[in-house]
């Protein structure tokens, strides 16, 4: 089961299969998959802040230096996203993860 949530109006939609580019039926905004939770890189790509290739590049760097070093910090140090964008997306990720009953 996949659950998608709109962070503009709070609407939730469920689906038996994973969907891409889900649009809220109430307000027309993009919805975010909250079950299973999206990873940081997926959310950044979802909102168009970075492309998947750059996320993969940062993940490769993360594997080489220390797989416990946060991906977001790597993306900021590489200049691929700003620290403000990182904090905004981390806030969305926390809200998505803690805002849905699993």
Protein backbone atom coordinates (compact mmCIF):
# COMPACT_ATOMS: atom_id res chain seq x y z
CA UNK A 1 0.00 0.00 0.00
CA UNK A 2 1.30 3.44 -0.96
CA UNK A 3 0.01 6.61 0.69
CA UNK A 4 0.45 10.10 -0.80
CA UNK A 5 -0.16 13.35 1.06
CA UNK A 6 -0.68 16.94 -0.07
CA UNK A 7 1.17 19.38 2.16
CA UNK A 8 -0.93 22.29 0.92
CA UNK A 9 -4.37 21.06 1.99
CA UNK A 10 -3.64 17.83 3.91
CA UNK A 11 -5.48 15.51 1.53
CA UNK A 12 -4.32 11.86 1.50
CA UNK A 13 -4.63 9.33 -1.32
CA UNK A 14 -3.79 5.62 -1.20
CA UNK A 15 -2.93 3.24 -4.00
CA UNK A 16 -2.07 -0.44 -4.32
CA UNK A 17 0.80 0.45 -6.69
CA UNK A 18 3.40 3.19 -6.72
CA UNK A 19 2.40 6.24 -8.74
CA UNK A 20 4.53 9.03 -10.17
CA UNK A 21 3.63 12.72 -10.16
CA UNK A 22 0.48 12.38 -8.06
CA UNK A 23 -1.64 15.54 -8.12
CA UNK A 24 -3.98 16.41 -5.25
CA UNK A 25 -7.63 15.96 -6.25
CA UNK A 26 -8.65 18.88 -3.99
CA UNK A 27 -6.12 21.64 -4.69
CA UNK A 28 -4.07 20.44 -7.68
CA UNK A 29 -0.67 20.56 -5.89
CA UNK A 30 1.95 17.78 -6.20
CA UNK A 31 1.54 15.08 -3.58
CA UNK A 32 4.41 13.38 -1.74
CA UNK A 33 4.62 9.65 -1.04
CA UNK A 34 4.59 9.21 2.73
CA UNK A 35 4.24 5.43 2.98
CA UNK A 36 6.73 4.04 2.47
CA UNK A 37 8.56 7.28 3.27
CA UNK A 38 10.55 8.90 0.48
CA UNK A 39 14.28 9.32 0.96
CA UNK A 40 15.92 12.75 0.88
CA UNK A 41 17.23 12.36 -2.68
CA UNK A 42 13.81 11.22 -3.92
CA UNK A 43 12.13 14.27 -2.37
CA UNK A 44 14.70 16.66 -3.87
CA UNK A 45 14.14 15.14 -7.33
CA UNK A 46 10.35 15.14 -6.79
CA UNK A 47 10.34 18.89 -6.18
CA UNK A 48 12.75 19.56 -9.06
CA UNK A 49 15.57 20.91 -6.90
CA UNK A 50 18.11 18.46 -8.29
CA UNK A 51 18.22 15.67 -10.87
CA UNK A 52 18.62 11.98 -10.09
CA UNK A 53 22.10 11.86 -11.67
CA UNK A 54 23.43 14.43 -9.18
CA UNK A 55 21.87 12.54 -6.27
CA UNK A 56 23.61 9.36 -7.49
CA UNK A 57 26.91 11.25 -7.71
CA UNK A 58 26.51 12.42 -4.10
CA UNK A 59 25.55 8.90 -2.98
CA UNK A 60 28.73 7.55 -4.60
CA UNK A 61 30.77 10.15 -2.71
CA UNK A 62 28.93 9.23 0.49
CA UNK A 63 29.83 5.55 0.03
CA UNK A 64 33.49 6.41 -0.52
CA UNK A 65 33.97 8.76 2.44
CA UNK A 66 31.63 7.43 5.13
CA UNK A 67 28.19 6.00 4.60
CA UNK A 68 27.08 7.67 7.87
CA UNK A 69 27.92 11.18 6.61
CA UNK A 70 24.59 12.88 5.80
CA UNK A 71 23.69 13.04 2.12
CA UNK A 72 22.25 16.53 2.57
CA UNK A 73 25.57 17.89 3.83
CA UNK A 74 27.34 16.38 0.83
CA UNK A 75 24.86 17.99 -1.56
CA UNK A 76 25.36 21.39 0.11
CA UNK A 77 29.17 21.08 0.10
CA UNK A 78 29.08 20.22 -3.61
CA UNK A 79 26.95 23.33 -4.21
CA UNK A 80 24.12 21.26 -5.68
CA UNK A 81 21.54 22.62 -3.22
CA UNK A 82 21.59 25.46 -0.70
CA UNK A 83 21.46 24.92 3.05
CA UNK A 84 18.06 26.66 3.04
CA UNK A 85 16.74 24.16 0.48
CA UNK A 86 18.12 21.31 2.58
CA UNK A 87 16.39 22.53 5.76
CA UNK A 88 13.13 23.08 3.89
CA UNK A 89 13.17 19.57 2.40
CA UNK A 90 14.21 17.98 5.72
CA UNK A 91 11.21 19.71 7.31
CA UNK A 92 8.92 18.28 4.63
CA UNK A 93 10.49 14.85 5.10
CA UNK A 94 9.95 14.95 8.88
CA UNK A 95 6.38 16.15 8.45
CA UNK A 96 5.72 13.37 5.93
CA UNK A 97 7.27 10.67 8.08
CA UNK A 98 5.73 11.66 11.42
CA UNK A 99 2.45 12.98 10.05
CA UNK A 100 1.04 9.68 8.81
CA UNK A 101 -0.08 6.68 10.84
CA UNK A 102 1.86 3.69 9.53
